[in-house]
Protein backbone atom coordinates (compact mmCIF):
# COMPACT_ATOMS: atom_id res chain seq x y z
CA MET A 1 156.89 -85.63 -96.31
CA MET A 2 160.25 -84.33 -95.13
CA GLN A 3 160.40 -83.66 -91.39
CA LYS A 4 160.89 -79.99 -90.48
CA LEU A 5 163.43 -79.46 -87.79
CA ALA A 6 163.05 -76.41 -85.58
CA LYS A 7 165.79 -74.75 -83.66
CA ARG A 8 165.41 -75.24 -79.89
CA LYS A 9 165.82 -72.60 -77.23
CA ASP A 10 169.24 -73.99 -76.37
CA SER A 11 170.30 -73.31 -80.03
CA ARG A 12 170.40 -76.99 -80.89
CA TYR A 13 168.35 -78.87 -83.48
CA MET A 14 166.45 -82.05 -82.66
CA CYS A 15 164.84 -84.77 -84.75
CA ARG A 16 163.26 -88.14 -83.91
CA TYR A 17 163.21 -91.67 -85.19
CA LYS A 18 161.13 -94.34 -83.43
CA GLU A 19 160.74 -92.13 -80.37
CA LYS A 20 164.53 -91.70 -80.11
CA CYS A 21 165.81 -88.10 -80.15
CA PHE A 22 168.90 -86.88 -81.95
CA TYR A 23 170.50 -83.51 -81.28
CA GLY A 24 173.02 -81.36 -83.13
CA LYS A 25 174.44 -77.87 -83.16
CA THR A 26 173.42 -77.68 -86.82
CA LEU A 27 170.54 -79.07 -88.82
CA ALA A 28 172.97 -81.28 -90.77
CA GLU A 29 174.49 -82.75 -87.60
CA ALA A 30 171.14 -83.72 -86.10
CA THR A 31 169.92 -85.21 -89.37
CA ARG A 32 173.15 -87.12 -89.81
CA LYS A 33 172.91 -88.72 -86.38
CA ARG A 34 169.31 -89.75 -87.04
CA ASP A 35 170.15 -91.23 -90.44
CA GLU A 36 173.10 -93.19 -89.05
CA TYR A 37 170.89 -94.75 -86.38
CA LYS A 38 168.11 -95.41 -88.91
CA TYR A 39 170.55 -97.17 -91.24
CA ARG A 40 171.82 -99.42 -88.42
CA CYS A 41 168.26 -100.33 -87.46
CA GLU A 42 167.23 -101.13 -91.03
CA HIS A 43 170.32 -103.28 -91.64
CA GLY A 44 170.49 -105.00 -88.27
CA ILE A 45 173.76 -103.39 -87.29
CA GLY A 46 174.42 -103.33 -83.56
CA GLU A 47 176.58 -100.87 -81.66
CA ILE A 48 180.20 -101.33 -82.68
CA ARG A 49 183.46 -99.55 -81.97
CA GLN A 50 183.32 -95.99 -83.25
CA MET A 51 186.11 -94.32 -85.21
CA THR A 52 186.00 -91.74 -87.97
CA VAL A 53 187.12 -92.45 -91.51
CA ARG A 54 189.85 -89.82 -91.15
CA GLN A 55 191.31 -91.27 -87.96
CA TYR A 56 191.34 -94.82 -89.25
CA SER A 57 192.48 -94.18 -92.84
CA GLU A 58 195.49 -92.07 -91.81
CA ASP A 59 196.66 -94.72 -89.35
CA TRP A 60 195.91 -97.51 -91.84
CA LEU A 61 198.09 -95.85 -94.48
CA LYS A 62 201.05 -95.65 -92.08
CA ASN A 63 200.61 -99.20 -90.81
CA TYR A 64 199.72 -101.06 -94.02
CA LYS A 65 201.78 -99.18 -96.61
CA THR A 66 205.22 -99.14 -95.07
CA GLY A 67 208.27 -99.95 -97.18
CA ILE A 68 206.96 -98.47 -100.43
CA GLN A 69 208.72 -95.77 -102.43
CA THR A 70 208.28 -92.19 -101.31
CA GLY A 71 206.62 -91.09 -104.54
CA THR A 72 204.07 -93.92 -104.36
CA PHE A 73 203.32 -93.19 -100.70
CA ARG A 74 202.70 -89.52 -101.51
CA GLN A 75 200.26 -90.54 -104.23
CA TYR A 76 198.43 -92.77 -101.73
CA GLU A 77 198.31 -89.86 -99.29
CA SER A 78 196.71 -87.61 -101.90
CA ILE A 79 194.10 -90.29 -102.68
CA VAL A 80 193.24 -90.81 -99.01
CA ARG A 81 193.05 -87.02 -98.62
CA ARG A 82 190.27 -86.96 -101.23
CA LEU A 83 188.42 -89.62 -99.24
CA ASN A 84 188.71 -87.58 -96.04
CA ASP A 85 187.73 -84.33 -97.71
CA SER A 86 184.44 -86.02 -98.63
CA ILE A 87 183.58 -88.25 -95.64
CA GLY A 88 186.50 -87.97 -93.22
CA ASP A 89 184.36 -86.94 -90.24
CA TYR A 90 181.84 -89.79 -90.66
CA TYR A 91 182.07 -92.90 -88.52
CA LEU A 92 183.28 -95.95 -90.43
CA SER A 93 180.17 -97.83 -89.30
CA SER A 94 177.83 -95.22 -90.79
CA VAL A 95 179.24 -94.86 -94.33
CA THR A 96 176.59 -95.74 -96.90
CA PRO A 97 176.63 -96.25 -100.69
CA ASP A 98 175.34 -92.68 -101.00
CA ASP A 99 178.51 -91.49 -99.26
CA VAL A 100 180.61 -93.63 -101.59
CA ALA A 101 178.96 -91.86 -104.52
CA VAL A 102 180.06 -88.52 -103.04
CA VAL A 103 183.64 -89.78 -102.78
CA TRP A 104 183.70 -91.00 -106.39
CA LYS A 105 182.25 -87.70 -107.57
CA SER A 106 185.46 -86.01 -106.40
CA PHE A 107 187.44 -88.29 -108.77
CA VAL A 108 185.57 -87.31 -111.93
CA GLY A 109 188.09 -86.15 -114.53
CA THR A 110 191.08 -87.95 -112.98
CA SER A 111 193.00 -90.72 -114.72
CA LYS A 112 191.83 -94.31 -114.90
CA SER A 113 195.04 -95.35 -113.14
CA MET A 114 194.34 -93.10 -110.14
CA ILE A 115 190.75 -94.30 -109.85
CA THR A 116 191.91 -97.93 -109.93
CA LYS A 117 194.44 -97.27 -107.16
CA ALA A 118 191.83 -95.36 -105.15
CA GLY A 119 189.39 -98.28 -105.37
CA GLN A 120 192.06 -100.70 -104.16
CA LEU A 121 192.98 -98.41 -101.25
CA PHE A 122 189.40 -97.74 -100.17
CA ARG A 123 188.46 -101.41 -100.28
CA GLY A 124 191.59 -102.23 -98.29
CA ILE A 125 190.82 -99.58 -95.67
CA PHE A 126 187.24 -100.75 -95.09
CA ASP A 127 188.15 -104.45 -95.22
CA ALA A 128 190.65 -103.86 -92.42
CA ALA A 129 188.16 -101.70 -90.52
CA LYS A 130 185.60 -104.51 -90.73
CA GLU A 131 188.10 -107.08 -89.46
CA SER A 132 189.04 -104.73 -86.60
CA GLY A 133 185.43 -104.24 -85.51
CA TYR A 134 184.94 -100.66 -86.66
CA ALA A 135 182.51 -101.47 -89.48
CA SER A 136 180.13 -104.33 -90.23
CA ARG A 137 180.33 -103.99 -94.02
CA ASN A 138 182.49 -102.52 -96.77
CA PRO A 139 180.48 -99.87 -98.67
CA PHE A 140 183.19 -99.72 -101.36
CA ARG A 141 182.32 -103.30 -102.31
CA SER A 142 178.69 -102.36 -102.93
CA THR A 143 177.37 -103.10 -106.42
CA VAL A 144 175.04 -100.11 -106.22
CA VAL A 145 177.65 -97.41 -106.81
CA LYS A 146 180.30 -97.61 -109.53
CA ALA A 147 183.56 -95.65 -109.73
CA PRO A 148 183.92 -93.22 -112.65
CA LYS A 149 185.71 -94.59 -115.70
CA GLY A 150 188.50 -92.00 -115.67
CA THR A 151 190.52 -90.60 -118.51
CA ALA A 152 192.40 -93.06 -120.74
CA ALA A 153 195.85 -91.50 -120.30
CA SER A 154 197.48 -88.67 -118.41
CA HIS A 155 200.15 -87.82 -120.99
CA ARG A 156 199.80 -85.79 -124.17
CA ALA A 157 201.71 -85.19 -127.36
CA ILE A 158 203.75 -81.99 -127.41
CA THR A 159 203.03 -79.37 -130.06
CA ASP A 160 205.30 -78.33 -132.92
CA GLU A 161 205.88 -75.00 -131.16
CA GLU A 162 206.94 -76.78 -127.95
CA ARG A 163 209.30 -78.99 -129.96
CA ARG A 164 210.86 -75.88 -131.54
CA LEU A 165 211.40 -74.34 -128.10
CA ILE A 166 213.03 -77.50 -126.75
CA GLU A 167 215.37 -77.73 -129.73
CA THR A 168 216.43 -74.05 -129.78
CA VAL A 169 216.36 -72.58 -126.24
CA PRO A 170 219.71 -73.06 -124.47
CA HIS A 171 219.56 -74.19 -120.83
CA ARG A 172 221.38 -76.71 -118.67
CA MET A 173 218.24 -78.91 -118.74
CA GLN A 174 217.92 -78.77 -122.52
CA LYS A 175 220.03 -81.92 -122.87
CA ALA A 176 217.68 -83.78 -120.50
CA ALA A 177 214.61 -82.72 -122.47
CA MET A 178 216.21 -83.63 -125.80
CA ILE A 179 217.20 -87.12 -124.66
CA MET A 180 213.71 -87.83 -123.31
CA LEU A 181 212.22 -86.45 -126.52
CA TYR A 182 214.43 -88.32 -129.01
CA ALA A 183 215.26 -91.49 -127.07
CA GLY A 184 212.01 -92.07 -125.15
CA LEU A 185 213.67 -92.35 -121.73
CA ARG A 186 211.74 -91.97 -118.50
CA ARG A 187 213.05 -89.46 -115.99
CA GLY A 188 214.52 -92.18 -113.76
CA GLU A 189 216.23 -93.88 -116.71
CA LEU A 190 217.65 -90.55 -117.85
CA LEU A 191 219.12 -89.73 -114.42
CA ALA A 192 220.81 -93.16 -114.23
CA LEU A 193 222.28 -92.83 -117.75
CA GLU A 194 226.09 -92.58 -117.89
CA TYR A 195 228.28 -91.62 -120.84
CA ASP A 196 229.64 -95.18 -120.88
CA ASP A 197 226.11 -96.39 -121.66
CA VAL A 198 226.30 -94.74 -125.09
CA GLU A 199 228.48 -96.54 -127.61
CA ASN A 200 228.44 -96.94 -131.40
CA ASP A 201 225.36 -94.74 -131.66
CA VAL A 202 223.42 -96.98 -129.30
CA ILE A 203 222.00 -96.08 -125.87
CA SER A 204 221.88 -99.03 -123.45
CA ILE A 205 219.27 -98.69 -120.69
CA ASP A 206 219.56 -101.09 -117.76
CA GLU A 207 219.22 -98.91 -114.64
CA ALA A 208 216.92 -96.21 -113.28
CA VAL A 209 216.89 -93.74 -110.41
CA SER A 210 214.08 -93.71 -107.86
CA PHE A 211 213.71 -91.37 -104.90
CA ALA A 212 213.59 -92.54 -101.29
CA GLU A 213 212.84 -89.54 -99.04
CA THR A 214 213.85 -87.39 -102.05
CA LYS A 215 217.33 -88.99 -102.14
CA PRO A 216 218.31 -90.71 -105.41
CA VAL A 217 218.72 -94.49 -105.44
CA VAL A 218 219.98 -96.34 -108.54
CA LYS A 219 218.09 -99.61 -109.12
CA ASP A 220 216.80 -101.90 -111.86
CA PRO A 221 214.37 -100.30 -114.34
CA LYS A 222 210.58 -100.25 -113.93
CA THR A 223 209.94 -103.56 -115.75
CA GLU A 224 211.92 -106.28 -117.51
CA SER A 225 210.97 -104.78 -120.87
CA SER A 226 212.50 -101.48 -119.73
CA VAL A 227 215.96 -103.02 -120.17
CA ARG A 228 216.56 -102.14 -123.81
CA ARG A 229 218.78 -100.54 -126.43
CA VAL A 230 217.68 -97.57 -128.51
CA PRO A 231 219.40 -95.77 -131.37
CA LEU A 232 221.19 -92.49 -130.78
CA LEU A 233 219.30 -90.29 -133.21
CA GLU A 234 220.99 -87.43 -135.04
CA PRO A 235 219.67 -84.59 -132.79
CA LEU A 236 221.37 -86.23 -129.78
CA LYS A 237 224.82 -86.95 -131.20
CA LYS A 238 226.19 -83.51 -130.31
CA TYR A 239 225.83 -84.34 -126.61
CA PHE A 240 228.10 -87.40 -126.90
CA GLU A 241 230.81 -86.21 -129.29
CA ASP A 242 233.39 -85.61 -126.54
CA ASP A 243 234.92 -89.00 -125.70
CA SER A 244 236.50 -87.61 -122.52
CA GLN A 245 233.12 -87.15 -120.80
CA VAL A 246 232.51 -89.55 -117.88
CA GLY A 247 229.90 -90.05 -115.19
CA TYR A 248 226.22 -89.28 -115.34
CA VAL A 249 224.91 -87.53 -118.43
CA VAL A 250 222.41 -85.36 -116.54
CA THR A 251 223.35 -84.11 -113.08
CA SER A 252 222.32 -81.49 -110.56
CA ALA A 253 223.76 -77.97 -110.82
CA ASP A 254 226.77 -78.99 -108.72
CA GLY A 255 227.57 -81.99 -110.93
CA VAL A 256 226.30 -84.89 -108.82
CA LEU A 257 223.42 -87.36 -109.08
CA CYS A 258 220.14 -85.41 -109.03
CA THR A 259 217.98 -85.40 -105.94
CA GLU A 260 214.25 -85.02 -106.50
CA SER A 261 214.31 -81.38 -105.36
CA ALA A 262 217.31 -80.60 -107.60
CA TRP A 263 215.45 -82.03 -110.59
CA ASP A 264 212.29 -80.08 -109.76
CA ARG A 265 214.21 -76.80 -109.41
CA GLY A 266 216.07 -77.43 -112.67
CA TRP A 267 212.87 -78.29 -114.56
CA GLU A 268 211.04 -75.22 -113.21
CA SER A 269 213.95 -73.05 -114.33
CA TYR A 270 213.87 -74.69 -117.76
CA ILE A 271 210.12 -74.12 -118.19
CA ALA A 272 210.62 -70.47 -117.17
CA ALA A 273 213.31 -70.14 -119.87
CA LEU A 274 210.95 -71.59 -122.51
CA GLU A 275 208.17 -69.23 -121.45
CA THR A 276 210.56 -66.27 -121.58
CA GLU A 277 211.48 -67.18 -125.15
CA LEU A 278 207.85 -67.65 -126.12
CA ASN A 279 206.62 -64.37 -124.59
CA GLY A 280 209.63 -62.15 -125.20
CA CYS A 281 210.38 -61.44 -121.53
CA HIS A 282 210.39 -63.09 -118.10
CA LYS A 283 206.99 -63.58 -116.48
CA ARG A 284 207.98 -61.18 -113.70
CA TRP A 285 208.26 -58.30 -116.18
CA TYR A 286 205.36 -59.16 -118.47
CA HIS A 287 203.43 -55.90 -119.17
CA LEU A 288 205.82 -54.05 -116.85
CA THR A 289 208.64 -53.17 -119.23
CA ARG A 290 209.34 -49.50 -119.89
CA GLU A 291 208.26 -49.84 -123.50
CA TRP A 292 204.89 -51.34 -122.55
CA LYS A 293 204.21 -48.80 -119.79
CA ASN A 294 204.93 -45.89 -122.13
CA GLY A 295 202.86 -47.39 -124.92
CA HIS A 296 199.84 -48.34 -122.79
CA PRO A 297 199.53 -45.68 -120.05
CA GLU A 298 195.81 -46.19 -119.36
CA GLU A 299 196.13 -49.96 -118.96
CA TYR A 300 199.17 -49.55 -116.74
CA GLU A 301 197.29 -47.02 -114.57
CA HIS A 302 194.40 -49.47 -114.19
CA TYR A 303 196.84 -52.17 -113.11
CA LEU A 304 198.35 -49.86 -110.47
CA LYS A 305 194.90 -49.05 -109.06
CA LEU A 306 194.14 -52.75 -108.67
CA LYS A 307 197.56 -53.39 -107.19
CA LYS A 308 197.10 -50.73 -104.49
CA ASN A 309 193.92 -52.44 -103.24
CA ILE A 310 195.04 -55.24 -100.92
CA LYS A 311 191.81 -57.15 -101.65
CA LYS A 312 192.45 -57.11 -105.39
CA GLN A 313 196.03 -58.41 -105.58
CA GLU A 314 195.01 -61.60 -107.38
CA GLN A 315 192.80 -59.63 -109.76
CA ALA A 316 195.72 -57.29 -110.49
CA GLU A 317 197.98 -60.21 -111.42
CA GLN A 318 195.31 -61.74 -113.64
CA TYR A 319 194.95 -58.41 -115.41
CA ARG A 320 198.70 -58.03 -115.84
CA LEU A 321 199.20 -61.57 -117.16
CA ARG A 322 196.38 -61.51 -119.72
CA GLY A 323 197.77 -62.87 -122.97
CA TRP A 324 200.66 -64.68 -121.24
CA LYS A 325 201.50 -67.96 -123.00
CA SER A 326 202.28 -70.74 -120.55
CA VAL A 327 204.41 -73.82 -121.22
CA ASN A 328 203.05 -76.94 -119.51
CA ILE A 329 205.46 -79.66 -120.59
CA ARG A 330 205.95 -82.52 -118.14
CA PRO A 331 208.95 -84.85 -118.48
CA HIS A 332 206.63 -87.82 -119.12
CA ASP A 333 205.00 -86.03 -122.07
CA LEU A 334 208.30 -86.09 -123.94
CA ARG A 335 208.35 -89.88 -124.24
CA TYR A 336 205.42 -90.17 -126.63
CA PRO A 337 205.74 -87.94 -129.71
CA ASN A 338 208.62 -89.91 -131.19
CA GLN A 339 207.74 -93.48 -130.30
CA ASN A 340 206.95 -94.19 -133.95
CA LYS A 341 210.45 -93.01 -134.86
CA ILE A 342 212.33 -94.92 -132.17
CA GLN A 343 212.77 -98.56 -133.08
CA THR A 344 213.96 -100.78 -130.23
CA PHE A 345 216.51 -103.32 -131.39
CA PHE A 346 218.42 -106.13 -129.73
CA SER A 347 222.00 -107.20 -129.69
């Protein structure tokens, strides 16, 4: 029978285990303290150094993951943030398999790759905590709780409509999208590509750009197999007809090697241009053009009423943007639709 915990006169809650009292400002806090002590008793765990998962994991990430690329470190930060959102305020010594199950629940629906990385990170964090005297066991090595399987892949094939937009909507990033689409280049490979790398209808790929603190660094490609030659397909030839072109094929707006922020701004602008083409106007003016207002006075009046209510601003935008067609193309998605058409060949 579950123990009922009453609120004391001092506004705290109290519960007991083996004549030992545990107090908390909330019912959950008192119960948590009791259960932590109970678990230590049942598993023969003595008093050890106390530190929360949040405190230790954030320091561990800085100390153990130095020297890695900025993008990878940010991904690790987001994974550790999920851990701390679930059990960050628990002591390392008190984390149980049940808590591990809560952590893994937050990863349901994410990619298999992310779950694999998360498992490696969490095991590393608790292994180090155990060696440092903050925990007597590693709950992420328990055989009781399994990580979710995760989705097989995070990319998708673009639609015929998206392909049409890419091929027909003019924009300074259109060339970048076309090359990724019809040559299968990764973003880093694309940014390192120079006009001299294209010769006799062949694209030679032997370098890639990575970002260190958002600054571009040219290095060797991702893997040995990434060094390759691919054919310059017909849709791309127009971008390389001018023999006088030199330097990088895709640059920032001011003509230099793209920083990460310059790429992001350019891609956001490109997606906005595709959406404008698809919907007939910019998102800012959707359902706000003079023609629409005059043709739908009652709907426009309803929108204005929502807009005037400061508590209904989000509802007003949702009402205005009903029917809006979004474009959700990521650079990595463009590599896959044409892989059956792109035959790698060797010199």
